[in-house]
Amino acid sequence: MMLQGVTYQGPALETPERLVGLPDDLFEILWQVNGFVAYAGGLHVRGMVDAPEWHSLESYRSGEMALHKLFSAVDERDCPFGQDFLGNQFVLRDGAVWKLRADTGEIRSLDVDLPHFLDEIRRDPIEYLELELLARYSDGAGMLKPGELVHTIPPLCMAGEQSKLALKTAPVSNTVLFLANFARQIENVSDGTEVNLQLFTPGPGPETIQ
């Protein structure tokens, strides 16, 4: 598998037993490479590991961070195989890749299977993964570290011009929990409605980048 900008790779599996029950396409990929962070942090595909927790597919499928418990649009049968640098989630549902926008909780089909999803990213990662904000963060603070995501202030769905967003990093689990909490509060709220939000910090990270 050809990948660009790899910053983390999960430990190799000695046998395929831990992969039994996964969708076939994901089984084949994880048997080759047990998950990875690529495109300088732009794409994270989870692996079958016990640690680190942020890389554990099982943790986000059925453990404490199970996405179907955090986001109403995610079904228990979905396989949450990965995420982008902002914490938007990618799940496999009936053989197709679906993208969950984490700050709104909205989910949509990308109309591709997993191999074609990865092919589309390889062809044009900047366009397909919308990496402009990641490039802006990296220009100011350096490469995103494995186990961290970019946190936008305010959440992206509330922003006007992206150039005015403040960016910082936070641990994966903190960022996902923050976004899930935020998405629950704005669920079923119409555009333009004034809301009183109860926010919590997604956790420590480097200095904010303006």
C-alpha atoms as a PDB file:
ATOM      1  CA  MET A   1       0.000   0.000   0.000  1.00  0.00           C
ATOM      2  CA  MET A   2       1.454   3.345  -1.079  1.00  0.00           C
ATOM      3  CA  LEU A   3       0.914   6.118   1.454  1.00  0.00           C
ATOM      4  CA  GLN A   4       2.234   9.657   1.698  1.00  0.00           C
ATOM      5  CA  GLY A   5       3.354  11.557   4.790  1.00  0.00           C
ATOM      6  CA  VAL A   6       3.123   8.615   7.204  1.00  0.00           C
ATOM      7  CA  THR A   7       3.723   9.704  10.801  1.00  0.00           C
ATOM      8  CA  TYR A   8       2.483   6.564  12.599  1.00  0.00           C
ATOM      9  CA  GLN A   9       1.956   2.898  11.807  1.00  0.00           C
ATOM     10  CA  GLY A  10       0.360   0.323  14.087  1.00  0.00           C
ATOM     11  CA  PRO A  11       2.293  -2.775  15.163  1.00  0.00           C
ATOM     12  CA  ALA A  12       2.107  -5.698  12.773  1.00  0.00           C
ATOM     13  CA  LEU A  13      -0.329  -8.474  13.620  1.00  0.00           C
ATOM     14  CA  GLU A  14       1.148 -11.941  14.094  1.00  0.00           C
ATOM     15  CA  THR A  15      -2.036 -13.719  13.018  1.00  0.00           C
ATOM     16  CA  PRO A  16      -5.241 -12.518  11.330  1.00  0.00           C
ATOM     17  CA  GLU A  17      -7.447 -13.817  14.162  1.00  0.00           C
ATOM     18  CA  ARG A  18      -8.113 -10.360  15.640  1.00  0.00           C
ATOM     19  CA  LEU A  19      -9.467  -9.200  12.288  1.00  0.00           C
ATOM     20  CA  VAL A  20     -12.171 -11.854  12.039  1.00  0.00           C
ATOM     21  CA  GLY A  21     -15.581 -10.216  11.716  1.00  0.00           C
ATOM     22  CA  LEU A  22     -14.347  -7.017  10.087  1.00  0.00           C
ATOM     23  CA  PRO A  23     -15.572  -6.024   6.616  1.00  0.00           C
ATOM     24  CA  ASP A  24     -13.475  -7.805   3.986  1.00  0.00           C
ATOM     25  CA  ASP A  25     -11.874  -4.649   2.559  1.00  0.00           C
ATOM     26  CA  LEU A  26     -10.788  -3.448   5.992  1.00  0.00           C
ATOM     27  CA  PHE A  27      -9.569  -6.939   6.915  1.00  0.00           C
ATOM     28  CA  GLU A  28      -7.232  -6.962   3.907  1.00  0.00           C
ATOM     29  CA  ILE A  29      -5.841  -3.502   4.636  1.00  0.00           C
ATOM     30  CA  LEU A  30      -5.206  -4.073   8.341  1.00  0.00           C
ATOM     31  CA  TRP A  31      -3.549  -7.407   7.655  1.00  0.00           C
ATOM     32  CA  GLN A  32      -1.071  -5.530   5.472  1.00  0.00           C
ATOM     33  CA  VAL A  33      -0.732  -2.438   7.690  1.00  0.00           C
ATOM     34  CA  ASN A  34      -2.336  -2.417  11.139  1.00  0.00           C
ATOM     35  CA  GLY A  35      -3.658   1.103  10.823  1.00  0.00           C
ATOM     36  CA  PHE A  36      -1.749   4.304  10.166  1.00  0.00           C
ATOM     37  CA  VAL A  37      -1.667   8.084  10.282  1.00  0.00           C
ATOM     38  CA  ALA A  38      -0.825   9.455   6.843  1.00  0.00           C
ATOM     39  CA  TYR A  39      -0.849  12.684   4.844  1.00  0.00           C
ATOM     40  CA  ALA A  40       0.954  14.471   7.704  1.00  0.00           C
ATOM     41  CA  GLY A  41      -1.954  13.765  10.034  1.00  0.00           C
ATOM     42  CA  GLY A  42      -4.714  14.317   7.481  1.00  0.00           C
ATOM     43  CA  LEU A  43      -6.009  10.737   7.618  1.00  0.00           C
ATOM     44  CA  HIS A  44      -6.011   8.226  10.458  1.00  0.00           C
ATOM     45  CA  VAL A  45      -7.072   4.618   9.829  1.00  0.00           C
ATOM     46  CA  ARG A  46      -7.469   2.778  13.135  1.00  0.00           C
ATOM     47  CA  GLY A  47      -5.892  -0.598  13.855  1.00  0.00           C
ATOM     48  CA  MET A  48      -6.600  -3.670  15.962  1.00  0.00           C
ATOM     49  CA  VAL A  49      -4.528  -2.775  19.003  1.00  0.00           C
ATOM     50  CA  ASP A  50      -5.005  -2.583  22.756  1.00  0.00           C
ATOM     51  CA  ALA A  51      -2.830   0.513  23.005  1.00  0.00           C
ATOM     52  CA  PRO A  52      -2.545   3.334  22.314  1.00  0.00           C
ATOM     53  CA  GLU A  53      -6.252   3.892  22.902  1.00  0.00           C
ATOM     54  CA  TRP A  54      -6.544   6.589  20.247  1.00  0.00           C
ATOM     55  CA  HIS A  55      -5.496   4.021  17.598  1.00  0.00           C
ATOM     56  CA  SER A  56      -7.807   1.261  18.799  1.00  0.00           C
ATOM     57  CA  LEU A  57     -10.606   0.387  16.384  1.00  0.00           C
ATOM     58  CA  GLU A  58     -12.336  -1.659  19.074  1.00  0.00           C
ATOM     59  CA  SER A  59     -12.404   1.300  21.458  1.00  0.00           C
ATOM     60  CA  TYR A  60     -14.296   3.389  18.899  1.00  0.00           C
ATOM     61  CA  ARG A  61     -16.495   0.503  17.764  1.00  0.00           C
ATOM     62  CA  SER A  62     -17.609  -1.049  21.041  1.00  0.00           C
ATOM     63  CA  GLY A  63     -15.498   0.364  23.888  1.00  0.00           C
ATOM     64  CA  GLU A  64     -15.641   3.517  25.990  1.00  0.00           C
ATOM     65  CA  MET A  65     -15.324   5.743  22.908  1.00  0.00           C
ATOM     66  CA  ALA A  66     -17.869   3.824  20.809  1.00  0.00           C
ATOM     67  CA  LEU A  67     -19.110   6.304  18.227  1.00  0.00           C
ATOM     68  CA  HIS A  68     -22.625   4.900  18.163  1.00  0.00           C
ATOM     69  CA  LYS A  69     -22.925   5.932  21.810  1.00  0.00           C
ATOM     70  CA  LEU A  70     -21.666   9.452  21.108  1.00  0.00           C
ATOM     71  CA  PHE A  71     -23.390  10.318  17.803  1.00  0.00           C
ATOM     72  CA  SER A  72     -27.017   9.462  17.096  1.00  0.00           C
ATOM     73  CA  ALA A  73     -26.331   9.177  13.342  1.00  0.00           C
ATOM     74  CA  VAL A  74     -23.879   6.303  13.847  1.00  0.00           C
ATOM     75  CA  ASP A  75     -25.352   2.820  14.032  1.00  0.00           C
ATOM     76  CA  GLU A  76     -23.988   0.066  16.248  1.00  0.00           C
ATOM     77  CA  ARG A  77     -23.396  -2.019  13.106  1.00  0.00           C
ATOM     78  CA  ASP A  78     -21.214   0.672  11.510  1.00  0.00           C
ATOM     79  CA  CYS A  79     -17.467   0.099  11.541  1.00  0.00           C
ATOM     80  CA  PRO A  80     -15.691   3.377  12.513  1.00  0.00           C
ATOM     81  CA  PHE A  81     -12.422   2.698  10.760  1.00  0.00           C
ATOM     82  CA  GLY A  82     -10.936   6.191  10.636  1.00  0.00           C
ATOM     83  CA  GLN A  83     -11.060   9.948  10.925  1.00  0.00           C
ATOM     84  CA  ASP A  84      -9.605  13.097   9.428  1.00  0.00           C
ATOM     85  CA  PHE A  85      -7.459  15.707  11.166  1.00  0.00           C
ATOM     86  CA  LEU A  86     -10.519  17.597  12.492  1.00  0.00           C
ATOM     87  CA  GLY A  87     -12.149  14.552  14.065  1.00  0.00           C
ATOM     88  CA  ASN A  88     -14.682  13.975  11.299  1.00  0.00           C
ATOM     89  CA  GLN A  89     -15.305  10.227  11.275  1.00  0.00           C
ATOM     90  CA  PHE A  90     -15.297   7.655   8.485  1.00  0.00           C
ATOM     91  CA  VAL A  91     -17.411   4.530   8.938  1.00  0.00           C
ATOM     92  CA  LEU A  92     -18.133   1.494   6.804  1.00  0.00           C
ATOM     93  CA  ARG A  93     -21.832   0.843   6.343  1.00  0.00           C
ATOM     94  CA  ASP A  94     -23.096  -1.886   4.001  1.00  0.00           C
ATOM     95  CA  GLY A  95     -19.800  -1.870   2.108  1.00  0.00           C
ATOM     96  CA  ALA A  96     -19.695   1.892   1.522  1.00  0.00           C
ATOM     97  CA  VAL A  97     -17.717   4.639   3.235  1.00  0.00           C
ATOM     98  CA  TRP A  98     -19.802   7.215   5.072  1.00  0.00           C
ATOM     99  CA  LYS A  99     -18.493  10.490   6.507  1.00  0.00           C
ATOM    100  CA  LEU A 100     -19.743  11.839   9.825  1.00  0.00           C
ATOM    101  CA  ARG A 101     -19.231  15.570  10.233  1.00  0.00           C
ATOM    102  CA  ALA A 102     -18.399  15.576  13.935  1.00  0.00           C
ATOM    103  CA  ASP A 103     -19.314  19.175  14.774  1.00  0.00           C
ATOM    104  CA  THR A 104     -22.874  18.793  13.467  1.00  0.00           C
ATOM    105  CA  GLY A 105     -23.449  15.042  13.813  1.00  0.00           C
ATOM    106  CA  GLU A 106     -24.567  14.813  10.171  1.00  0.00           C
ATOM    107  CA  ILE A 107     -23.612  11.725   8.179  1.00  0.00           C
ATOM    108  CA  ARG A 108     -23.553  11.140   4.426  1.00  0.00           C
ATOM    109  CA  SER A 109     -22.441   8.433   2.044  1.00  0.00           C
ATOM    110  CA  LEU A 110     -19.344   9.106  -0.060  1.00  0.00           C
ATOM    111  CA  ASP A 111     -20.637   6.541  -2.583  1.00  0.00           C
ATOM    112  CA  VAL A 112     -17.362   4.612  -2.676  1.00  0.00           C
ATOM    113  CA  ASP A 113     -16.082   1.429  -1.104  1.00  0.00           C
ATOM    114  CA  LEU A 114     -12.941   1.473   1.049  1.00  0.00           C
ATOM    115  CA  PRO A 115     -10.364   0.728  -1.701  1.00  0.00           C
ATOM    116  CA  HIS A 116     -11.803   3.456  -3.934  1.00  0.00           C
ATOM    117  CA  PHE A 117     -11.953   5.852  -0.960  1.00  0.00           C
ATOM    118  CA  LEU A 118      -8.208   5.394  -0.453  1.00  0.00           C
ATOM    119  CA  ASP A 119      -7.609   5.693  -4.195  1.00  0.00           C
ATOM    120  CA  GLU A 120      -9.455   9.026  -4.294  1.00  0.00           C
ATOM    121  CA  ILE A 121      -7.324  10.303  -1.415  1.00  0.00           C
ATOM    122  CA  ARG A 122      -4.107   9.205  -3.120  1.00  0.00           C
ATOM    123  CA  ARG A 123      -5.119  11.027  -6.296  1.00  0.00           C
ATOM    124  CA  ASP A 124      -5.764  14.363  -4.573  1.00  0.00           C
ATOM    125  CA  PRO A 125      -5.396  14.343  -0.765  1.00  0.00           C
ATOM    126  CA  ILE A 126      -5.644  18.132  -0.429  1.00  0.00           C
ATOM    127  CA  GLU A 127      -8.999  18.257  -2.189  1.00  0.00           C
ATOM    128  CA  TYR A 128     -10.510  15.010  -0.917  1.00  0.00           C
ATOM    129  CA  LEU A 129      -9.500  15.463   2.724  1.00  0.00           C
ATOM    130  CA  GLU A 130      -9.866  19.271   2.659  1.00  0.00           C
ATOM    131  CA  LEU A 131      -6.378  19.754   4.076  1.00  0.00           C
ATOM    132  CA  GLU A 132      -6.166  23.546   3.827  1.00  0.00           C
ATOM    133  CA  LEU A 133      -6.658  24.084   7.569  1.00  0.00           C
ATOM    134  CA  LEU A 134      -4.116  21.385   8.379  1.00  0.00           C
ATOM    135  CA  ALA A 135      -1.571  23.112   6.146  1.00  0.00           C
ATOM    136  CA  ARG A 136      -2.287  26.410   7.881  1.00  0.00           C
ATOM    137  CA  TYR A 137      -1.821  24.836  11.304  1.00  0.00           C
ATOM    138  CA  SER A 138       1.396  23.102  10.253  1.00  0.00           C
ATOM    139  CA  ASP A 139       2.821  26.313   8.804  1.00  0.00           C
ATOM    140  CA  GLY A 140       2.446  27.984  12.192  1.00  0.00           C
ATOM    141  CA  ALA A 141       3.080  25.194  14.688  1.00  0.00           C
ATOM    142  CA  GLY A 142       4.708  22.277  12.887  1.00  0.00           C
ATOM    143  CA  MET A 143       3.501  18.822  11.949  1.00  0.00           C
ATOM    144  CA  LEU A 144       0.491  17.352  13.748  1.00  0.00           C
ATOM    145  CA  LYS A 145       1.585  14.630  16.155  1.00  0.00           C
ATOM    146  CA  PRO A 146       0.057  11.117  16.168  1.00  0.00           C
ATOM    147  CA  GLY A 147      -2.684  10.981  18.779  1.00  0.00           C
ATOM    148  CA  GLU A 148      -3.678  14.626  18.274  1.00  0.00           C
ATOM    149  CA  LEU A 149      -6.314  16.388  16.189  1.00  0.00           C
ATOM    150  CA  VAL A 150      -6.753  20.001  15.160  1.00  0.00           C
ATOM    151  CA  HIS A 151      -9.401  21.805  17.217  1.00  0.00           C
ATOM    152  CA  THR A 152     -11.027  24.886  15.712  1.00  0.00           C
ATOM    153  CA  ILE A 153     -12.241  27.847  17.749  1.00  0.00           C
ATOM    154  CA  PRO A 154     -15.155  28.315  17.256  1.00  0.00           C
ATOM    155  CA  PRO A 155     -16.425  24.962  15.937  1.00  0.00           C
ATOM    156  CA  LEU A 156     -16.254  24.935  12.163  1.00  0.00           C
ATOM    157  CA  CYS A 157     -20.023  25.023  11.611  1.00  0.00           C
ATOM    158  CA  MET A 158     -20.209  28.326  13.515  1.00  0.00           C
ATOM    159  CA  ALA A 159     -17.358  29.978  11.662  1.00  0.00           C
ATOM    160  CA  GLY A 160     -17.725  32.595   8.993  1.00  0.00           C
ATOM    161  CA  GLU A 161     -14.453  32.957   7.169  1.00  0.00           C
ATOM    162  CA  GLN A 162     -12.068  30.065   7.822  1.00  0.00           C
ATOM    163  CA  SER A 163      -9.171  32.515   7.833  1.00  0.00           C
ATOM    164  CA  LYS A 164     -10.514  33.895  11.122  1.00  0.00           C
ATOM    165  CA  LEU A 165     -10.575  30.535  12.888  1.00  0.00           C
ATOM    166  CA  ALA A 166      -8.159  29.946  15.738  1.00  0.00           C
ATOM    167  CA  LEU A 167      -6.488  26.525  15.637  1.00  0.00           C
ATOM    168  CA  LYS A 168      -4.933  24.407  18.370  1.00  0.00           C
ATOM    169  CA  THR A 169      -4.329  20.722  18.957  1.00  0.00           C
ATOM    170  CA  ALA A 170      -5.882  18.416  21.515  1.00  0.00           C
ATOM    171  CA  PRO A 171      -5.785  14.662  22.181  1.00  0.00           C
ATOM    172  CA  VAL A 172      -7.987  12.573  19.895  1.00  0.00           C
ATOM    173  CA  SER A 173     -10.418  11.383  22.568  1.00  0.00           C
ATOM    174  CA  ASN A 174     -10.851  14.867  24.067  1.00  0.00           C
ATOM    175  CA  THR A 175     -11.582  16.365  20.664  1.00  0.00           C
ATOM    176  CA  VAL A 176     -14.087  13.663  19.679  1.00  0.00           C
ATOM    177  CA  LEU A 177     -15.902  13.964  23.018  1.00  0.00           C
ATOM    178  CA  PHE A 178     -16.031  17.735  22.691  1.00  0.00           C
ATOM    179  CA  LEU A 179     -17.470  17.540  19.173  1.00  0.00           C
ATOM    180  CA  ALA A 180     -20.005  14.871  20.160  1.00  0.00           C
ATOM    181  CA  ASN A 181     -21.169  17.032  23.073  1.00  0.00           C
ATOM    182  CA  PHE A 182     -21.451  20.050  20.791  1.00  0.00           C
ATOM    183  CA  ALA A 183     -23.303  18.125  18.063  1.00  0.00           C
ATOM    184  CA  ARG A 184     -25.865  16.835  20.573  1.00  0.00           C
ATOM    185  CA  GLN A 185     -26.624  20.376  21.710  1.00  0.00           C
ATOM    186  CA  ILE A 186     -27.275  21.719  18.211  1.00  0.00           C
ATOM    187  CA  GLU A 187     -29.132  18.655  16.952  1.00  0.00           C
ATOM    188  CA  ASN A 188     -32.493  19.661  15.467  1.00  0.00           C
ATOM    189  CA  VAL A 189     -31.618  23.371  15.713  1.00  0.00           C
ATOM    190  CA  SER A 190     -32.489  25.327  12.557  1.00  0.00           C
ATOM    191  CA  ASP A 191     -29.973  27.604  10.846  1.00  0.00           C
ATOM    192  CA  GLY A 192     -29.974  31.109  12.304  1.00  0.00           C
ATOM    193  CA  THR A 193     -31.435  30.061  15.659  1.00  0.00           C
ATOM    194  CA  GLU A 194     -29.833  31.619  18.743  1.00  0.00           C
ATOM    195  CA  VAL A 195     -28.624  28.962  21.176  1.00  0.00           C
ATOM    196  CA  ASN A 196     -27.115  28.930  24.642  1.00  0.00           C
ATOM    197  CA  LEU A 197     -24.323  26.363  24.474  1.00  0.00           C
ATOM    198  CA  GLN A 198     -22.583  24.669  27.384  1.00  0.00           C
ATOM    199  CA  LEU A 199     -19.041  24.005  26.198  1.00  0.00           C
ATOM    200  CA  PHE A 200     -16.092  22.316  27.828  1.00  0.00           C
ATOM    201  CA  THR A 201     -12.450  22.497  26.851  1.00  0.00           C
ATOM    202  CA  PRO A 202     -11.186  19.660  24.627  1.00  0.00           C
ATOM    203  CA  GLY A 203      -8.020  19.463  26.697  1.00  0.00           C
ATOM    204  CA  PRO A 204      -4.501  20.869  26.615  1.00  0.00           C
ATOM    205  CA  GLY A 205      -2.588  21.464  23.441  1.00  0.00           C
ATOM    206  CA  PRO A 206       0.092  23.759  22.081  1.00  0.00           C
ATOM    207  CA  GLU A 207      -0.429  27.487  21.841  1.00  0.00           C
ATOM    208  CA  THR A 208      -3.345  28.636  19.731  1.00  0.00           C
ATOM    209  CA  ILE A 209      -2.492  29.547  16.144  1.00  0.00           C
ATOM    210  CA  GLN A 210      -4.310  32.606  14.835  1.00  0.00           C
END
